[in-house]
Amino acid sequence: MKKLLQMSIIFIVIIFTIIIVGYTQQLPTGEIIANETFEPVKCTSDWNCTFWSDCIRTDAETGIQNRTCIDNNNCNAEKPQ
């Protein structure tokens, strides 16, 4: 059992070494990898709104209606009217 464990560890070390050596040989000498530029990810709102509530009269002339809107993408954008 102990010999099997030792052989397994040796096998893993050999495979890991082959992977590392192969990876480093693929990189040209002096290449700067960290000099890449990336565009920021644009967040697009995906609003999901309930229907408007019934009109709640606050006085004779005006009323209030409500609805709840949730941005499924959490973009922190202004809520729709």
N, C-alpha and C. Protein backbone atom coordinates (compact mmCIF):
# COMPACT_ATOMS: atom_id res chain seq x y z
N MET A 1 0.83 -1.20 0.00
CA MET A 1 0.00 0.00 0.00
C MET A 1 0.87 1.26 0.00
N LYS A 2 1.92 1.23 0.82
CA LYS A 2 2.81 2.38 0.91
C LYS A 2 3.52 2.60 -0.43
N LYS A 3 3.90 1.51 -1.09
CA LYS A 3 4.58 1.62 -2.39
C LYS A 3 3.64 2.21 -3.44
N LEU A 4 2.37 1.83 -3.40
CA LEU A 4 1.38 2.37 -4.33
C LEU A 4 1.20 3.87 -4.12
N LEU A 5 1.18 4.31 -2.88
CA LEU A 5 1.06 5.74 -2.57
C LEU A 5 2.27 6.50 -3.09
N GLN A 6 3.46 5.94 -2.88
CA GLN A 6 4.68 6.59 -3.37
C GLN A 6 4.68 6.70 -4.89
N MET A 7 4.25 5.65 -5.57
CA MET A 7 4.20 5.66 -7.03
C MET A 7 3.19 6.69 -7.53
N SER A 8 2.07 6.81 -6.83
CA SER A 8 1.06 7.79 -7.22
C SER A 8 1.59 9.21 -7.08
N ILE A 9 2.28 9.47 -6.00
CA ILE A 9 2.85 10.81 -5.77
C ILE A 9 3.90 11.12 -6.83
N ILE A 10 4.75 10.15 -7.14
CA ILE A 10 5.77 10.36 -8.17
C ILE A 10 5.12 10.64 -9.52
N PHE A 11 4.07 9.89 -9.85
CA PHE A 11 3.36 10.09 -11.11
C PHE A 11 2.77 11.50 -11.19
N ILE A 12 2.15 11.95 -10.12
CA ILE A 12 1.55 13.29 -10.09
C ILE A 12 2.61 14.36 -10.26
N VAL A 13 3.75 14.20 -9.60
CA VAL A 13 4.84 15.17 -9.70
C VAL A 13 5.37 15.22 -11.13
N ILE A 14 5.51 14.06 -11.76
CA ILE A 14 6.01 14.02 -13.14
C ILE A 14 5.04 14.72 -14.09
N ILE A 15 3.75 14.42 -13.97
CA ILE A 15 2.75 15.06 -14.83
C ILE A 15 2.73 16.57 -14.61
N PHE A 16 2.78 16.99 -13.35
CA PHE A 16 2.78 18.42 -13.04
C PHE A 16 4.01 19.10 -13.65
N THR A 17 5.17 18.46 -13.57
CA THR A 17 6.40 19.02 -14.12
C THR A 17 6.31 19.14 -15.64
N ILE A 18 5.76 18.13 -16.29
CA ILE A 18 5.60 18.17 -17.75
C ILE A 18 4.70 19.33 -18.15
N ILE A 19 3.62 19.52 -17.42
CA ILE A 19 2.69 20.62 -17.73
C ILE A 19 3.38 21.97 -17.57
N ILE A 20 4.09 22.17 -16.47
CA ILE A 20 4.77 23.45 -16.20
C ILE A 20 5.85 23.71 -17.25
N VAL A 21 6.67 22.72 -17.55
CA VAL A 21 7.75 22.90 -18.52
C VAL A 21 7.16 23.19 -19.90
N GLY A 22 6.12 22.49 -20.28
CA GLY A 22 5.48 22.73 -21.58
C GLY A 22 4.90 24.13 -21.67
N TYR A 23 4.31 24.61 -20.59
CA TYR A 23 3.71 25.94 -20.58
C TYR A 23 4.78 27.02 -20.69
N THR A 24 5.85 26.90 -19.94
CA THR A 24 6.88 27.94 -19.96
C THR A 24 7.63 27.95 -21.29
N GLN A 25 7.71 26.83 -21.97
CA GLN A 25 8.40 26.82 -23.26
C GLN A 25 7.55 27.46 -24.35
N GLN A 26 6.25 27.54 -24.16
CA GLN A 26 5.39 28.15 -25.16
C GLN A 26 5.44 29.68 -25.12
N LEU A 27 5.89 30.24 -24.03
CA LEU A 27 5.94 31.69 -23.90
C LEU A 27 7.24 32.22 -24.49
N PRO A 28 7.18 33.17 -25.45
CA PRO A 28 8.40 33.76 -25.98
C PRO A 28 9.12 34.56 -24.89
N THR A 29 10.42 34.54 -24.93
CA THR A 29 11.22 35.26 -23.94
C THR A 29 10.99 36.76 -24.07
N GLY A 30 10.76 37.42 -22.95
CA GLY A 30 10.60 38.86 -22.93
C GLY A 30 9.19 39.34 -23.22
N GLU A 31 8.27 38.45 -23.49
CA GLU A 31 6.89 38.87 -23.77
C GLU A 31 6.24 39.39 -22.50
N ILE A 32 5.55 40.52 -22.62
CA ILE A 32 4.85 41.09 -21.47
C ILE A 32 3.40 40.67 -21.56
N ILE A 33 3.00 39.82 -20.65
CA ILE A 33 1.64 39.30 -20.67
C ILE A 33 0.68 40.26 -19.99
N ALA A 34 1.13 40.98 -18.98
CA ALA A 34 0.25 41.82 -18.17
C ALA A 34 -0.09 43.15 -18.84
N ASN A 35 0.34 43.37 -20.07
CA ASN A 35 0.12 44.64 -20.74
C ASN A 35 -1.13 44.60 -21.63
N GLU A 36 -2.09 43.77 -21.30
CA GLU A 36 -3.31 43.69 -22.09
C GLU A 36 -4.33 44.69 -21.57
N THR A 37 -5.15 45.21 -22.47
CA THR A 37 -6.22 46.12 -22.06
C THR A 37 -7.55 45.43 -22.26
N PHE A 38 -8.47 45.69 -21.38
CA PHE A 38 -9.78 45.08 -21.44
C PHE A 38 -10.85 46.16 -21.37
N GLU A 39 -11.88 45.99 -22.16
CA GLU A 39 -13.02 46.89 -22.11
C GLU A 39 -13.85 46.54 -20.88
N PRO A 40 -14.32 47.54 -20.14
CA PRO A 40 -15.18 47.22 -19.00
C PRO A 40 -16.48 46.58 -19.48
N VAL A 41 -16.98 45.69 -18.70
CA VAL A 41 -18.22 45.01 -19.05
C VAL A 41 -19.38 45.98 -18.85
N LYS A 42 -20.18 46.16 -19.90
CA LYS A 42 -21.32 47.06 -19.82
C LYS A 42 -22.49 46.29 -19.22
N CYS A 43 -23.08 46.87 -18.21
CA CYS A 43 -24.22 46.24 -17.55
C CYS A 43 -25.50 46.74 -18.23
N THR A 44 -26.29 45.82 -18.72
CA THR A 44 -27.57 46.15 -19.35
C THR A 44 -28.69 45.77 -18.41
N SER A 45 -29.49 46.75 -18.05
CA SER A 45 -30.60 46.50 -17.12
C SER A 45 -31.61 45.55 -17.73
N ASP A 46 -32.18 44.74 -16.89
CA ASP A 46 -33.24 43.81 -17.28
C ASP A 46 -34.37 43.97 -16.26
N TRP A 47 -35.23 44.96 -16.51
CA TRP A 47 -36.26 45.32 -15.55
C TRP A 47 -37.43 44.34 -15.59
N ASN A 48 -37.90 44.00 -14.42
CA ASN A 48 -39.09 43.18 -14.26
C ASN A 48 -40.01 43.95 -13.31
N CYS A 49 -41.14 44.43 -13.85
CA CYS A 49 -42.04 45.28 -13.06
C CYS A 49 -43.40 44.63 -12.88
N THR A 50 -44.00 44.89 -11.73
CA THR A 50 -45.37 44.44 -11.49
C THR A 50 -46.31 45.38 -12.24
N PHE A 51 -47.59 45.00 -12.30
CA PHE A 51 -48.59 45.88 -12.88
C PHE A 51 -48.80 47.07 -11.94
N TRP A 52 -49.31 48.16 -12.50
CA TRP A 52 -49.62 49.33 -11.68
C TRP A 52 -50.74 48.98 -10.70
N SER A 53 -50.64 49.53 -9.50
CA SER A 53 -51.69 49.31 -8.49
C SER A 53 -52.92 50.14 -8.85
N ASP A 54 -54.01 49.86 -8.16
CA ASP A 54 -55.19 50.70 -8.31
C ASP A 54 -54.85 52.10 -7.83
N CYS A 55 -55.57 53.08 -8.33
CA CYS A 55 -55.33 54.46 -7.96
C CYS A 55 -55.78 54.69 -6.51
N ILE A 56 -54.85 55.21 -5.71
CA ILE A 56 -55.15 55.54 -4.32
C ILE A 56 -55.34 57.05 -4.25
N ARG A 57 -56.54 57.49 -3.96
CA ARG A 57 -56.83 58.92 -3.91
C ARG A 57 -56.31 59.52 -2.61
N THR A 58 -55.55 60.60 -2.77
CA THR A 58 -55.07 61.32 -1.60
C THR A 58 -55.90 62.57 -1.33
N ASP A 59 -56.54 63.08 -2.36
CA ASP A 59 -57.49 64.18 -2.22
C ASP A 59 -58.42 64.13 -3.43
N ALA A 60 -59.21 65.12 -3.64
CA ALA A 60 -60.22 65.09 -4.69
C ALA A 60 -59.63 65.13 -6.10
N GLU A 61 -58.43 65.69 -6.27
CA GLU A 61 -57.89 65.89 -7.61
C GLU A 61 -56.76 64.94 -8.00
N THR A 62 -56.01 64.46 -7.04
CA THR A 62 -54.83 63.65 -7.38
C THR A 62 -54.97 62.24 -6.84
N GLY A 63 -54.21 61.37 -7.39
CA GLY A 63 -54.17 59.99 -6.92
C GLY A 63 -52.76 59.43 -7.10
N ILE A 64 -52.50 58.32 -6.47
CA ILE A 64 -51.17 57.70 -6.53
C ILE A 64 -51.34 56.26 -6.99
N GLN A 65 -50.47 55.86 -7.91
CA GLN A 65 -50.38 54.46 -8.30
C GLN A 65 -48.96 53.99 -8.04
N ASN A 66 -48.82 52.75 -7.67
CA ASN A 66 -47.50 52.19 -7.38
C ASN A 66 -47.26 50.93 -8.20
N ARG A 67 -45.99 50.64 -8.41
CA ARG A 67 -45.58 49.35 -8.95
C ARG A 67 -44.16 49.09 -8.46
N THR A 68 -43.78 47.86 -8.41
CA THR A 68 -42.45 47.48 -7.96
C THR A 68 -41.64 46.98 -9.16
N CYS A 69 -40.43 47.51 -9.30
CA CYS A 69 -39.54 47.09 -10.39
C CYS A 69 -38.23 46.57 -9.82
N ILE A 70 -37.76 45.48 -10.37
CA ILE A 70 -36.49 44.88 -9.95
C ILE A 70 -35.62 44.70 -11.19
N ASP A 71 -34.37 45.16 -11.09
CA ASP A 71 -33.40 44.94 -12.17
C ASP A 71 -32.76 43.57 -11.94
N ASN A 72 -33.09 42.62 -12.79
CA ASN A 72 -32.56 41.27 -12.63
C ASN A 72 -31.04 41.20 -12.76
N ASN A 73 -30.42 42.20 -13.39
CA ASN A 73 -28.96 42.22 -13.55
C ASN A 73 -28.25 43.08 -12.51
N ASN A 74 -29.00 43.71 -11.63
CA ASN A 74 -28.43 44.55 -10.55
C ASN A 74 -27.42 45.57 -11.09
N CYS A 75 -27.82 46.32 -12.10
CA CYS A 75 -26.92 47.31 -12.71
C CYS A 75 -26.87 48.63 -11.95
N ASN A 76 -27.66 48.81 -10.94
CA ASN A 76 -27.74 50.07 -10.19
C ASN A 76 -28.16 51.22 -11.11
N ALA A 77 -28.99 50.93 -12.08
CA ALA A 77 -29.48 51.96 -13.00
C ALA A 77 -30.72 52.62 -12.41
N GLU A 78 -31.09 53.75 -13.00
CA GLU A 78 -32.29 54.46 -12.55
C GLU A 78 -33.52 53.62 -12.89
N LYS A 79 -34.43 53.54 -11.94
CA LYS A 79 -35.63 52.73 -12.14
C LYS A 79 -36.53 53.35 -13.20
N PRO A 80 -37.23 52.51 -13.97
CA PRO A 80 -38.17 53.05 -14.96
C PRO A 80 -39.35 53.72 -14.28
N GLN A 81 -39.96 54.67 -14.95
CA GLN A 81 -41.13 55.38 -14.39
C GLN A 81 -42.38 54.60 -14.63
